[in-house]
């Protein structure tokens, strides 16, 4: 998923001759704290709501050129790069430029979060596991193989190094919500399962037995 594929076409831009009040209104109408500023079709940077509200001796946007944030992303960059940039800079919109440095549009913080949800398959049902291990012990092939021995497969996997412990934290999702068999397999092979989320078979059996008892008593 590239930055050019998630541009928000409805987000407007500011121009040098826009009045400060008009610029403030435009940001408020679009519920956003930053907008790109164009000057003769060239993107000059981003202007924030804070700078507009604190402007005292300025009449138009161009008067605040010294306050512009000079940040943008190329159209062919991955959307995770855009997410990193927008998070580190603390901005709500990121200009997207063509190969010729021409302004194409912006990606917004909210759009990036929505696409991150799609990227992580958060809308797809399934069990979730969080493992902790030494970095040299991690084998994605072995992990997938163990999951597959239980008639399941891994649909999403992410890793990061925990700063305090130095351990590798592995989070993965499987294609079914019932997790007890996969959990048992992981524990049998000495995986340290920090968390898991999903339905456990013994809970389902307990519910079924309870329902059967209630049905019997009601006869």
N, C-alpha and C. Protein backbone atom coordinates (compact mmCIF):
# COMPACT_ATOMS: atom_id res chain seq x y z
N UNK A 1 0.85 -1.18 0.00
CA UNK A 1 0.00 0.00 0.00
C UNK A 1 0.90 1.25 0.00
N UNK A 2 0.81 2.03 -1.04
CA UNK A 2 1.66 3.21 -1.20
C UNK A 2 0.94 4.47 -0.74
N UNK A 3 1.74 5.50 -0.46
CA UNK A 3 1.18 6.77 -0.01
C UNK A 3 0.20 7.34 -1.04
N UNK A 4 0.51 7.17 -2.32
CA UNK A 4 -0.36 7.72 -3.37
C UNK A 4 -1.71 7.03 -3.42
N UNK A 5 -1.81 5.83 -2.85
CA UNK A 5 -3.05 5.07 -2.90
C UNK A 5 -4.02 5.42 -1.79
N UNK A 6 -3.57 6.18 -0.81
CA UNK A 6 -4.45 6.51 0.32
C UNK A 6 -4.60 8.02 0.50
N UNK A 7 -4.39 8.76 -0.56
CA UNK A 7 -4.57 10.21 -0.51
C UNK A 7 -6.03 10.53 -0.25
N UNK A 8 -6.26 11.55 0.56
CA UNK A 8 -7.61 12.02 0.85
C UNK A 8 -7.95 13.18 -0.10
N UNK A 9 -8.71 12.92 -1.15
CA UNK A 9 -8.99 13.96 -2.15
C UNK A 9 -9.87 15.09 -1.63
N UNK A 10 -10.58 14.84 -0.52
CA UNK A 10 -11.49 15.87 -0.01
C UNK A 10 -10.78 16.93 0.83
N UNK A 11 -9.52 16.70 1.18
CA UNK A 11 -8.80 17.65 2.02
C UNK A 11 -8.30 18.81 1.16
N UNK A 12 -8.67 20.05 1.50
CA UNK A 12 -8.27 21.21 0.69
C UNK A 12 -6.84 21.66 1.00
N UNK A 13 -6.41 22.69 0.35
CA UNK A 13 -5.09 23.27 0.59
C UNK A 13 -5.23 24.75 0.90
N UNK A 14 -4.19 25.32 1.44
CA UNK A 14 -4.12 26.76 1.68
C UNK A 14 -3.26 27.40 0.60
N UNK A 15 -3.53 28.69 0.35
CA UNK A 15 -2.73 29.46 -0.60
C UNK A 15 -2.16 30.71 0.08
N UNK A 16 -1.13 31.24 -0.49
CA UNK A 16 -0.44 32.38 0.10
C UNK A 16 -1.37 33.56 0.35
N UNK A 17 -2.36 33.74 -0.51
CA UNK A 17 -3.23 34.91 -0.37
C UNK A 17 -4.49 34.64 0.43
N UNK A 18 -4.63 33.47 1.02
CA UNK A 18 -5.76 33.20 1.90
C UNK A 18 -5.61 34.02 3.18
N UNK A 19 -6.71 34.57 3.65
CA UNK A 19 -6.64 35.32 4.91
C UNK A 19 -6.48 34.35 6.07
N UNK A 20 -5.97 34.87 7.17
CA UNK A 20 -5.78 34.04 8.36
C UNK A 20 -7.11 33.47 8.84
N UNK A 21 -8.13 34.30 8.86
CA UNK A 21 -9.45 33.83 9.32
C UNK A 21 -10.02 32.76 8.40
N UNK A 22 -9.86 32.94 7.09
CA UNK A 22 -10.34 31.93 6.15
C UNK A 22 -9.59 30.62 6.34
N UNK A 23 -8.29 30.70 6.61
CA UNK A 23 -7.49 29.50 6.82
C UNK A 23 -7.95 28.76 8.07
N UNK A 24 -8.22 29.52 9.14
CA UNK A 24 -8.70 28.91 10.37
C UNK A 24 -10.04 28.21 10.13
N UNK A 25 -10.92 28.87 9.41
CA UNK A 25 -12.23 28.28 9.10
C UNK A 25 -12.07 26.98 8.31
N UNK A 26 -11.12 26.97 7.38
CA UNK A 26 -10.92 25.80 6.53
C UNK A 26 -10.44 24.60 7.34
N UNK A 27 -9.52 24.86 8.27
CA UNK A 27 -9.05 23.77 9.12
C UNK A 27 -10.16 23.26 10.03
N UNK A 28 -10.94 24.17 10.58
CA UNK A 28 -12.03 23.76 11.46
C UNK A 28 -13.09 22.97 10.70
N UNK A 29 -13.40 23.40 9.49
CA UNK A 29 -14.41 22.70 8.70
C UNK A 29 -14.00 21.27 8.37
N UNK A 30 -12.70 21.05 8.26
CA UNK A 30 -12.21 19.72 7.89
C UNK A 30 -11.69 18.94 9.10
N UNK A 31 -11.88 19.51 10.30
CA UNK A 31 -11.51 18.83 11.54
C UNK A 31 -10.07 18.31 11.48
N UNK A 32 -9.16 19.20 11.14
CA UNK A 32 -7.75 18.84 10.98
C UNK A 32 -6.89 19.99 11.49
N UNK A 33 -5.69 19.68 11.96
CA UNK A 33 -4.83 20.69 12.57
C UNK A 33 -3.72 21.18 11.65
N UNK A 34 -3.56 20.57 10.48
CA UNK A 34 -2.52 20.98 9.54
C UNK A 34 -3.06 20.90 8.12
N UNK A 35 -2.66 21.86 7.30
CA UNK A 35 -2.97 21.83 5.87
C UNK A 35 -1.75 22.23 5.08
N UNK A 36 -1.64 21.67 3.87
CA UNK A 36 -0.54 22.03 2.98
C UNK A 36 -0.77 23.42 2.42
N UNK A 37 0.33 24.14 2.20
CA UNK A 37 0.27 25.48 1.61
C UNK A 37 0.89 25.44 0.23
N UNK A 38 0.12 25.88 -0.77
CA UNK A 38 0.61 25.91 -2.14
C UNK A 38 0.89 27.35 -2.56
N UNK A 39 1.96 27.49 -3.32
CA UNK A 39 2.31 28.78 -3.92
C UNK A 39 2.67 28.51 -5.37
N UNK A 40 1.78 28.91 -6.27
CA UNK A 40 1.97 28.64 -7.70
C UNK A 40 2.14 27.14 -7.94
N UNK A 41 1.26 26.36 -7.32
CA UNK A 41 1.21 24.90 -7.47
C UNK A 41 2.38 24.16 -6.83
N UNK A 42 3.24 24.87 -6.15
CA UNK A 42 4.34 24.23 -5.43
C UNK A 42 3.99 24.13 -3.95
N UNK A 43 4.26 22.98 -3.37
CA UNK A 43 3.99 22.79 -1.95
C UNK A 43 5.11 23.44 -1.14
N UNK A 44 4.75 24.44 -0.37
CA UNK A 44 5.74 25.17 0.41
C UNK A 44 5.88 24.62 1.83
N UNK A 45 4.97 23.76 2.23
CA UNK A 45 5.05 23.18 3.57
C UNK A 45 3.67 23.04 4.18
N UNK A 46 3.66 22.76 5.48
CA UNK A 46 2.42 22.63 6.24
C UNK A 46 2.28 23.82 7.18
N UNK A 47 1.04 24.22 7.39
CA UNK A 47 0.76 25.27 8.36
C UNK A 47 -0.21 24.71 9.39
N UNK A 48 0.09 24.95 10.67
CA UNK A 48 -0.72 24.38 11.74
C UNK A 48 -1.75 25.37 12.26
N UNK A 49 -2.77 24.82 12.88
CA UNK A 49 -3.79 25.64 13.51
C UNK A 49 -3.19 26.50 14.62
N UNK A 50 -2.25 25.95 15.37
CA UNK A 50 -1.62 26.71 16.46
C UNK A 50 -0.96 27.97 15.93
N UNK A 51 -0.25 27.86 14.80
CA UNK A 51 0.43 29.03 14.24
C UNK A 51 -0.59 30.06 13.75
N UNK A 52 -1.69 29.60 13.19
CA UNK A 52 -2.72 30.51 12.72
C UNK A 52 -3.38 31.25 13.88
N UNK A 53 -3.66 30.53 14.94
CA UNK A 53 -4.33 31.14 16.09
C UNK A 53 -3.43 32.12 16.83
N UNK A 54 -2.13 31.88 16.77
CA UNK A 54 -1.19 32.76 17.49
C UNK A 54 -0.65 33.88 16.61
N UNK A 55 -1.09 33.93 15.35
CA UNK A 55 -0.60 34.97 14.43
C UNK A 55 -1.15 36.34 14.86
N UNK A 56 -0.26 37.31 15.04
CA UNK A 56 -0.67 38.65 15.48
C UNK A 56 -0.48 39.70 14.39
N UNK A 57 0.67 39.69 13.76
CA UNK A 57 0.97 40.72 12.76
C UNK A 57 0.89 40.15 11.34
N UNK A 58 -0.02 39.20 11.13
CA UNK A 58 -0.16 38.59 9.81
C UNK A 58 -1.59 38.73 9.33
N UNK A 59 -1.71 39.02 8.04
CA UNK A 59 -3.03 39.16 7.43
C UNK A 59 -3.38 37.96 6.56
N UNK A 60 -2.37 37.41 5.87
CA UNK A 60 -2.59 36.29 4.96
C UNK A 60 -1.61 35.17 5.29
N UNK A 61 -1.90 34.00 4.75
CA UNK A 61 -1.08 32.82 5.02
C UNK A 61 0.38 33.04 4.65
N UNK A 62 0.62 33.72 3.54
CA UNK A 62 1.99 33.94 3.10
C UNK A 62 2.84 34.67 4.11
N UNK A 63 2.22 35.45 4.99
CA UNK A 63 2.98 36.17 6.01
C UNK A 63 3.59 35.24 7.05
N UNK A 64 3.10 33.99 7.08
CA UNK A 64 3.58 33.02 8.07
C UNK A 64 4.53 32.00 7.46
N UNK A 65 5.13 32.33 6.33
CA UNK A 65 5.98 31.36 5.63
C UNK A 65 7.13 30.85 6.49
N UNK A 66 7.58 31.67 7.43
CA UNK A 66 8.66 31.24 8.32
C UNK A 66 8.21 30.20 9.34
N UNK A 67 6.90 30.00 9.44
CA UNK A 67 6.34 29.03 10.39
C UNK A 67 5.94 27.71 9.72
N UNK A 68 6.15 27.60 8.41
CA UNK A 68 5.76 26.38 7.70
C UNK A 68 6.62 25.20 8.15
N UNK A 69 6.00 24.04 8.22
CA UNK A 69 6.72 22.80 8.48
C UNK A 69 7.09 22.16 7.14
N UNK A 70 8.37 21.96 6.93
CA UNK A 70 8.84 21.45 5.64
C UNK A 70 9.00 19.93 5.73
N UNK A 71 7.91 19.25 5.49
CA UNK A 71 7.89 17.79 5.56
C UNK A 71 6.94 17.26 4.50
N UNK A 72 7.33 16.20 3.84
CA UNK A 72 6.51 15.59 2.79
C UNK A 72 7.00 14.18 2.53
N UNK A 73 6.25 13.46 1.72
CA UNK A 73 6.62 12.08 1.38
C UNK A 73 6.45 11.88 -0.11
N UNK A 74 7.29 11.06 -0.69
CA UNK A 74 7.18 10.73 -2.11
C UNK A 74 6.00 9.79 -2.34
N UNK A 75 5.39 9.90 -3.48
CA UNK A 75 4.17 9.14 -3.79
C UNK A 75 4.37 7.64 -3.77
N UNK A 76 5.60 7.17 -4.02
CA UNK A 76 5.84 5.73 -4.12
C UNK A 76 6.40 5.13 -2.83
N UNK A 77 6.31 5.86 -1.72
CA UNK A 77 6.75 5.33 -0.44
C UNK A 77 5.63 4.51 0.21
N UNK A 78 6.02 3.51 1.00
CA UNK A 78 5.04 2.65 1.67
C UNK A 78 4.28 3.45 2.73
N UNK A 79 3.03 3.06 2.95
CA UNK A 79 2.21 3.83 3.88
C UNK A 79 2.74 3.74 5.31
N UNK A 80 3.50 2.70 5.66
CA UNK A 80 4.09 2.62 6.99
C UNK A 80 5.15 3.70 7.19
N UNK A 81 5.82 4.09 6.12
CA UNK A 81 6.77 5.20 6.20
C UNK A 81 6.03 6.49 6.50
N UNK A 82 4.88 6.67 5.85
CA UNK A 82 4.05 7.85 6.12
C UNK A 82 3.57 7.86 7.56
N UNK A 83 3.19 6.69 8.07
CA UNK A 83 2.73 6.58 9.45
C UNK A 83 3.85 6.95 10.41
N UNK A 84 5.05 6.51 10.15
CA UNK A 84 6.21 6.83 10.99
C UNK A 84 6.47 8.33 10.97
N UNK A 85 6.45 8.93 9.79
CA UNK A 85 6.74 10.35 9.67
C UNK A 85 5.69 11.20 10.37
N UNK A 86 4.43 10.84 10.20
CA UNK A 86 3.35 11.64 10.75
C UNK A 86 3.31 11.51 12.28
N UNK A 87 3.72 10.34 12.77
CA UNK A 87 3.76 10.12 14.21
C UNK A 87 4.92 10.87 14.85
N UNK A 88 6.10 10.78 14.24
CA UNK A 88 7.28 11.43 14.80
C UNK A 88 7.17 12.95 14.75
N UNK A 89 6.53 13.48 13.72
CA UNK A 89 6.41 14.93 13.58
C UNK A 89 5.22 15.49 14.36
N UNK A 90 4.31 14.63 14.80
CA UNK A 90 3.15 15.10 15.55
C UNK A 90 2.20 15.93 14.70
N UNK A 91 2.02 15.52 13.45
CA UNK A 91 1.16 16.27 12.53
C UNK A 91 -0.07 15.43 12.17
N UNK A 92 -1.07 16.08 11.60
CA UNK A 92 -2.31 15.40 11.26
C UNK A 92 -2.48 15.20 9.75
N UNK A 93 -1.57 15.77 8.97
CA UNK A 93 -1.62 15.62 7.51
C UNK A 93 -0.20 15.65 6.97
N UNK A 94 0.03 14.88 5.91
CA UNK A 94 1.36 14.78 5.31
C UNK A 94 1.25 14.95 3.80
N UNK A 95 1.87 15.99 3.24
CA UNK A 95 1.81 16.19 1.79
C UNK A 95 2.48 15.06 1.03
N UNK A 96 1.87 14.68 -0.08
CA UNK A 96 2.42 13.64 -0.96
C UNK A 96 2.87 14.32 -2.25
N UNK A 97 4.11 14.06 -2.65
CA UNK A 97 4.68 14.70 -3.84
C UNK A 97 4.98 13.67 -4.91
N UNK A 98 4.91 14.11 -6.16
CA UNK A 98 5.23 13.25 -7.29
C UNK A 98 6.75 13.13 -7.43
N UNK A 99 7.17 12.36 -8.41
CA UNK A 99 8.60 12.20 -8.66
C UNK A 99 9.23 13.53 -9.04
N UNK A 100 8.44 14.42 -9.62
CA UNK A 100 8.93 15.76 -10.00
C UNK A 100 8.71 16.79 -8.92
N UNK A 101 8.44 16.32 -7.69
CA UNK A 101 8.23 17.19 -6.53
C UNK A 101 6.96 18.03 -6.63
N UNK A 102 6.02 17.60 -7.46
CA UNK A 102 4.75 18.31 -7.58
C UNK A 102 3.78 17.79 -6.54
N UNK A 103 2.94 18.69 -6.04
CA UNK A 103 1.97 18.32 -5.01
C UNK A 103 0.87 17.45 -5.62
N UNK A 104 0.60 16.31 -4.96
CA UNK A 104 -0.46 15.41 -5.41
C UNK A 104 -1.66 15.47 -4.47
N UNK A 105 -1.40 15.52 -3.19
CA UNK A 105 -2.46 15.53 -2.19
C UNK A 105 -1.87 15.28 -0.82
N UNK A 106 -2.71 14.91 0.13
CA UNK A 106 -2.23 14.63 1.48
C UNK A 106 -2.79 13.30 1.97
N UNK A 107 -2.05 12.68 2.86
CA UNK A 107 -2.57 11.57 3.64
C UNK A 107 -2.76 12.10 5.06
N UNK A 108 -3.85 11.69 5.68
CA UNK A 108 -4.16 12.19 7.01
C UNK A 108 -3.90 11.12 8.06
N UNK A 109 -3.77 11.59 9.29
CA UNK A 109 -3.55 10.68 10.41
C UNK A 109 -4.68 9.66 10.51
N UNK A 110 -5.91 10.11 10.40
CA UNK A 110 -7.05 9.20 10.53
C UNK A 110 -7.07 8.16 9.42
N UNK A 111 -6.72 8.56 8.19
CA UNK A 111 -6.68 7.61 7.08
C UNK A 111 -5.59 6.57 7.29
N UNK A 112 -4.46 6.99 7.82
CA UNK A 112 -3.37 6.05 8.09
C UNK A 112 -3.76 5.03 9.14
N UNK A 113 -4.46 5.48 10.19
CA UNK A 113 -4.90 4.56 11.23
C UNK A 113 -5.90 3.55 10.66
N UNK A 114 -6.81 4.02 9.82
CA UNK A 114 -7.79 3.12 9.20
C UNK A 114 -7.10 2.07 8.34
N UNK A 115 -6.13 2.49 7.57
CA UNK A 115 -5.41 1.55 6.71
C UNK A 115 -4.49 0.64 7.50
N UNK A 116 -4.01 1.11 8.63
CA UNK A 116 -3.22 0.25 9.50
C UNK A 116 -4.10 -0.89 10.03
N UNK A 117 -5.35 -0.57 10.36
CA UNK A 117 -6.28 -1.60 10.80
C UNK A 117 -6.50 -2.65 9.73
N UNK A 118 -6.62 -2.22 8.47
CA UNK A 118 -6.75 -3.16 7.36
C UNK A 118 -5.49 -3.99 7.20
N UNK A 119 -4.34 -3.32 7.29
CA UNK A 119 -3.04 -3.98 7.16
C UNK A 119 -2.86 -5.07 8.21
N UNK A 120 -3.37 -4.82 9.42
CA UNK A 120 -3.23 -5.77 10.52
C UNK A 120 -4.39 -6.75 10.62
N UNK A 121 -5.33 -6.66 9.67
CA UNK A 121 -6.49 -7.56 9.63
C UNK A 121 -7.30 -7.51 10.93
N UNK A 122 -7.45 -6.32 11.51
CA UNK A 122 -8.17 -6.20 12.77
C UNK A 122 -9.66 -6.51 12.61
N UNK A 123 -10.17 -6.42 11.38
CA UNK A 123 -11.59 -6.68 11.16
C UNK A 123 -11.88 -8.16 10.87
N UNK A 124 -10.84 -8.97 10.85
CA UNK A 124 -11.00 -10.40 10.56
C UNK A 124 -10.96 -11.17 11.88
N UNK A 125 -11.98 -12.00 12.17
CA UNK A 125 -11.98 -12.77 13.42
C UNK A 125 -10.80 -13.72 13.50
N UNK A 126 -10.33 -13.94 14.71
CA UNK A 126 -9.23 -14.88 14.90
C UNK A 126 -8.61 -14.73 16.27
N UNK A 127 -7.90 -15.77 16.70
CA UNK A 127 -7.21 -15.73 17.98
C UNK A 127 -5.91 -14.95 17.87
N UNK A 128 -5.48 -14.40 19.00
CA UNK A 128 -4.28 -13.57 19.03
C UNK A 128 -3.35 -14.07 20.13
N UNK A 129 -2.07 -14.19 19.79
CA UNK A 129 -1.06 -14.64 20.74
C UNK A 129 0.07 -13.63 20.82
N UNK A 130 0.62 -13.46 22.03
CA UNK A 130 1.79 -12.62 22.23
C UNK A 130 2.84 -13.46 22.93
N UNK A 131 3.97 -13.67 22.26
CA UNK A 131 5.06 -14.48 22.80
C UNK A 131 6.24 -13.60 23.15
N UNK A 132 7.07 -14.07 24.06
CA UNK A 132 8.34 -13.40 24.36
C UNK A 132 9.45 -14.43 24.28
N UNK A 133 10.59 -14.02 23.70
CA UNK A 133 11.69 -14.96 23.51
C UNK A 133 12.98 -14.21 23.23
N UNK A 134 14.08 -14.94 23.34
CA UNK A 134 15.36 -14.40 22.90
C UNK A 134 15.35 -14.29 21.37
N UNK A 135 16.01 -13.26 20.86
CA UNK A 135 15.97 -13.01 19.41
C UNK A 135 16.46 -14.20 18.60
N UNK A 136 17.50 -14.87 19.07
CA UNK A 136 18.08 -15.96 18.27
C UNK A 136 17.20 -17.20 18.24
N UNK A 137 16.16 -17.24 19.08
CA UNK A 137 15.29 -18.41 19.12
C UNK A 137 14.07 -18.29 18.21
N UNK A 138 13.93 -17.14 17.60
CA UNK A 138 12.74 -16.93 16.77
C UNK A 138 12.90 -17.56 15.40
N UNK A 139 11.90 -18.37 15.03
CA UNK A 139 11.85 -18.97 13.69
C UNK A 139 10.42 -18.87 13.21
N UNK A 140 10.19 -18.02 12.24
CA UNK A 140 8.83 -17.85 11.73
C UNK A 140 8.33 -19.14 11.07
N UNK A 141 9.24 -19.88 10.47
CA UNK A 141 8.87 -21.14 9.84
C UNK A 141 8.37 -22.15 10.87
N UNK A 142 9.09 -22.29 11.96
CA UNK A 142 8.68 -23.23 13.01
C UNK A 142 7.36 -22.81 13.63
N UNK A 143 7.20 -21.52 13.88
CA UNK A 143 5.97 -21.02 14.49
C UNK A 143 4.77 -21.32 13.61
N UNK A 144 4.90 -21.04 12.32
CA UNK A 144 3.79 -21.32 11.39
C UNK A 144 3.50 -22.81 11.32
N UNK A 145 4.55 -23.60 11.33
CA UNK A 145 4.37 -25.06 11.25
C UNK A 145 3.61 -25.58 12.46
N UNK A 146 3.94 -25.09 13.65
CA UNK A 146 3.26 -25.54 14.87
C UNK A 146 1.78 -25.15 14.85
N UNK A 147 1.51 -23.95 14.36
CA UNK A 147 0.12 -23.51 14.25
C UNK A 147 -0.64 -24.40 13.27
N UNK A 148 0.00 -24.71 12.16
CA UNK A 148 -0.66 -25.50 11.10
C UNK A 148 -0.93 -26.94 11.53
N UNK A 149 -0.21 -27.44 12.53
CA UNK A 149 -0.49 -28.80 13.02
C UNK A 149 -1.85 -28.87 13.72
N UNK A 150 -2.44 -27.72 13.96
CA UNK A 150 -3.75 -27.66 14.62
C UNK A 150 -4.84 -27.18 13.67
N UNK A 151 -4.65 -27.45 12.39
CA UNK A 151 -5.63 -27.06 11.36
C UNK A 151 -5.94 -25.57 11.39
N UNK A 152 -4.90 -24.79 11.56
CA UNK A 152 -5.02 -23.32 11.55
C UNK A 152 -3.83 -22.77 10.78
N UNK A 153 -3.84 -21.47 10.53
CA UNK A 153 -2.68 -20.83 9.92
C UNK A 153 -2.56 -19.40 10.41
N UNK A 154 -1.36 -18.88 10.31
CA UNK A 154 -1.06 -17.51 10.76
C UNK A 154 -1.51 -16.53 9.69
N UNK A 155 -2.32 -15.55 10.10
CA UNK A 155 -2.81 -14.54 9.16
C UNK A 155 -2.07 -13.22 9.28
N UNK A 156 -1.40 -13.00 10.41
CA UNK A 156 -0.69 -11.74 10.62
C UNK A 156 0.36 -11.95 11.70
N UNK A 157 1.54 -11.37 11.50
CA UNK A 157 2.60 -11.50 12.50
C UNK A 157 3.42 -10.21 12.54
N UNK A 158 3.75 -9.79 13.75
CA UNK A 158 4.57 -8.59 13.94
C UNK A 158 5.54 -8.83 15.09
N UNK A 159 6.69 -8.20 15.02
CA UNK A 159 7.70 -8.35 16.07
C UNK A 159 8.29 -7.00 16.44
N UNK A 160 8.77 -6.92 17.67
CA UNK A 160 9.56 -5.76 18.09
C UNK A 160 10.42 -6.15 19.28
N UNK A 161 11.48 -5.39 19.50
CA UNK A 161 12.36 -5.63 20.64
C UNK A 161 11.88 -4.79 21.82
N UNK A 162 11.59 -5.45 22.93
CA UNK A 162 11.17 -4.73 24.13
C UNK A 162 12.37 -4.02 24.74
N UNK A 163 12.22 -2.73 24.96
CA UNK A 163 13.36 -1.90 25.37
C UNK A 163 13.92 -2.34 26.72
N UNK A 164 13.07 -2.60 27.68
CA UNK A 164 13.55 -2.87 29.04
C UNK A 164 14.20 -4.25 29.14
N UNK A 165 13.51 -5.27 28.63
CA UNK A 165 14.01 -6.65 28.78
C UNK A 165 14.96 -7.08 27.68
N UNK A 166 14.89 -6.44 26.53
CA UNK A 166 15.69 -6.85 25.40
C UNK A 166 15.13 -8.07 24.69
N UNK A 167 13.96 -8.55 25.13
CA UNK A 167 13.35 -9.72 24.52
C UNK A 167 12.64 -9.35 23.22
N UNK A 168 12.55 -10.33 22.36
CA UNK A 168 11.76 -10.18 21.14
C UNK A 168 10.31 -10.50 21.47
N UNK A 169 9.42 -9.57 21.17
CA UNK A 169 8.00 -9.76 21.40
C UNK A 169 7.35 -10.08 20.05
N UNK A 170 6.74 -11.23 19.97
CA UNK A 170 6.13 -11.72 18.74
C UNK A 170 4.62 -11.77 18.93
N UNK A 171 3.91 -11.00 18.12
CA UNK A 171 2.45 -11.00 18.15
C UNK A 171 1.94 -11.59 16.85
N UNK A 172 1.10 -12.60 16.95
CA UNK A 172 0.56 -13.18 15.72
C UNK A 172 -0.91 -13.54 15.89
N UNK A 173 -1.59 -13.56 14.76
CA UNK A 173 -3.02 -13.85 14.72
C UNK A 173 -3.25 -15.09 13.89
N UNK A 174 -4.21 -15.90 14.31
CA UNK A 174 -4.55 -17.09 13.54
C UNK A 174 -5.96 -16.96 12.98
N UNK A 175 -6.32 -17.87 12.11
CA UNK A 175 -7.58 -17.74 11.37
C UNK A 175 -8.79 -18.30 12.08
N UNK A 176 -8.63 -18.76 13.30
CA UNK A 176 -9.79 -19.25 14.04
C UNK A 176 -9.77 -18.70 15.46
N UNK A 177 -10.95 -18.55 16.05
CA UNK A 177 -11.06 -17.92 17.36
C UNK A 177 -10.79 -18.89 18.50
N UNK A 178 -10.94 -20.19 18.26
CA UNK A 178 -10.68 -21.18 19.29
C UNK A 178 -9.17 -21.39 19.39
N UNK A 179 -8.60 -21.15 20.57
CA UNK A 179 -7.14 -21.06 20.68
C UNK A 179 -6.52 -22.14 21.57
N UNK A 180 -7.32 -22.96 22.23
CA UNK A 180 -6.76 -23.86 23.24
C UNK A 180 -5.78 -24.87 22.66
N UNK A 181 -6.05 -25.40 21.44
CA UNK A 181 -5.15 -26.39 20.87
C UNK A 181 -3.81 -25.77 20.47
N UNK A 182 -3.85 -24.58 19.87
CA UNK A 182 -2.61 -23.90 19.51
C UNK A 182 -1.84 -23.51 20.76
N UNK A 183 -2.55 -23.04 21.77
CA UNK A 183 -1.91 -22.68 23.04
C UNK A 183 -1.19 -23.87 23.65
N UNK A 184 -1.85 -25.01 23.66
CA UNK A 184 -1.25 -26.22 24.22
C UNK A 184 0.01 -26.62 23.45
N UNK A 185 -0.04 -26.51 22.13
CA UNK A 185 1.12 -26.85 21.31
C UNK A 185 2.29 -25.92 21.60
N UNK A 186 2.02 -24.63 21.68
CA UNK A 186 3.08 -23.67 21.98
C UNK A 186 3.72 -23.95 23.33
N UNK A 187 2.90 -24.23 24.32
CA UNK A 187 3.43 -24.52 25.66
C UNK A 187 4.20 -25.83 25.67
N UNK A 188 3.76 -26.79 24.90
CA UNK A 188 4.46 -28.08 24.83
C UNK A 188 5.86 -27.92 24.25
N UNK A 189 6.00 -26.96 23.35
CA UNK A 189 7.31 -26.70 22.74
C UNK A 189 8.05 -25.56 23.45
N UNK A 190 7.66 -25.29 24.69
CA UNK A 190 8.37 -24.36 25.58
C UNK A 190 8.37 -22.91 25.11
N UNK A 191 7.33 -22.52 24.39
CA UNK A 191 7.18 -21.11 24.06
C UNK A 191 6.60 -20.37 25.26
N UNK A 192 7.14 -19.20 25.53
CA UNK A 192 6.64 -18.38 26.63
C UNK A 192 5.51 -17.50 26.10
N UNK A 193 4.28 -17.89 26.40
CA UNK A 193 3.10 -17.15 25.93
C UNK A 193 2.78 -16.07 26.96
N UNK A 194 3.01 -14.84 26.61
CA UNK A 194 2.75 -13.74 27.54
C UNK A 194 1.25 -13.47 27.65
N UNK A 195 0.57 -13.37 26.52
CA UNK A 195 -0.87 -13.17 26.49
C UNK A 195 -1.46 -14.01 25.36
N UNK A 196 -2.73 -14.29 25.48
CA UNK A 196 -3.48 -14.85 24.35
C UNK A 196 -4.93 -14.41 24.48
N UNK A 197 -5.58 -14.26 23.32
CA UNK A 197 -6.95 -13.78 23.28
C UNK A 197 -7.74 -14.63 22.30
N UNK A 198 -8.85 -15.16 22.76
CA UNK A 198 -9.68 -16.00 21.92
C UNK A 198 -10.54 -16.90 22.79
N UNK A 199 -11.26 -17.79 22.16
CA UNK A 199 -12.10 -18.73 22.88
C UNK A 199 -11.31 -20.00 23.19
N UNK A 200 -11.54 -20.52 24.40
CA UNK A 200 -10.87 -21.76 24.78
C UNK A 200 -11.88 -22.89 24.79
N UNK A 201 -11.46 -24.04 24.31
CA UNK A 201 -12.36 -25.16 24.12
C UNK A 201 -13.03 -25.59 25.41
N UNK A 202 -12.26 -25.58 26.52
CA UNK A 202 -12.85 -26.06 27.77
C UNK A 202 -13.96 -25.13 28.24
N UNK A 203 -13.86 -23.82 27.91
CA UNK A 203 -14.92 -22.89 28.25
C UNK A 203 -16.16 -23.20 27.42
N UNK A 204 -15.95 -23.55 26.15
CA UNK A 204 -17.07 -23.91 25.30
C UNK A 204 -17.75 -25.20 25.81
N UNK A 205 -16.92 -26.17 26.23
CA UNK A 205 -17.47 -27.41 26.76
C UNK A 205 -18.25 -27.17 28.04
N UNK A 206 -17.72 -26.30 28.89
CA UNK A 206 -18.40 -25.97 30.13
C UNK A 206 -19.75 -25.34 29.86
N UNK A 207 -19.79 -24.42 28.92
CA UNK A 207 -21.05 -23.77 28.55
C UNK A 207 -22.03 -24.81 27.99
N UNK A 208 -21.55 -25.71 27.15
CA UNK A 208 -22.42 -26.74 26.58
C UNK A 208 -22.98 -27.64 27.67
N UNK A 209 -22.12 -28.04 28.63
CA UNK A 209 -22.59 -28.89 29.73
C UNK A 209 -23.61 -28.16 30.59
N UNK A 210 -23.38 -26.90 30.82
CA UNK A 210 -24.32 -26.10 31.61
C UNK A 210 -25.67 -26.01 30.91
N UNK A 211 -25.61 -25.72 29.60
CA UNK A 211 -26.85 -25.62 28.83
C UNK A 211 -27.61 -26.94 28.84
N UNK A 212 -26.88 -28.06 28.73
CA UNK A 212 -27.53 -29.37 28.75
C UNK A 212 -28.17 -29.63 30.12
N UNK A 213 -27.48 -29.21 31.18
CA UNK A 213 -28.03 -29.40 32.53
C UNK A 213 -29.33 -28.59 32.69
N UNK A 214 -29.30 -27.35 32.24
CA UNK A 214 -30.48 -26.50 32.36
C UNK A 214 -31.65 -27.08 31.56
N UNK A 215 -31.34 -27.62 30.39
CA UNK A 215 -32.38 -28.22 29.56
C UNK A 215 -32.98 -29.44 30.25
N UNK A 216 -32.11 -30.22 30.91
CA UNK A 216 -32.57 -31.43 31.62
C UNK A 216 -33.46 -31.04 32.80
N UNK A 217 -33.08 -30.02 33.54
CA UNK A 217 -33.84 -29.59 34.71
C UNK A 217 -35.19 -29.00 34.33
N UNK A 218 -35.27 -28.48 33.12
CA UNK A 218 -36.52 -27.87 32.67
C UNK A 218 -37.49 -28.88 32.09
N UNK A 219 -37.03 -30.11 31.94
CA UNK A 219 -37.92 -31.15 31.40
C UNK A 219 -39.03 -31.49 32.41
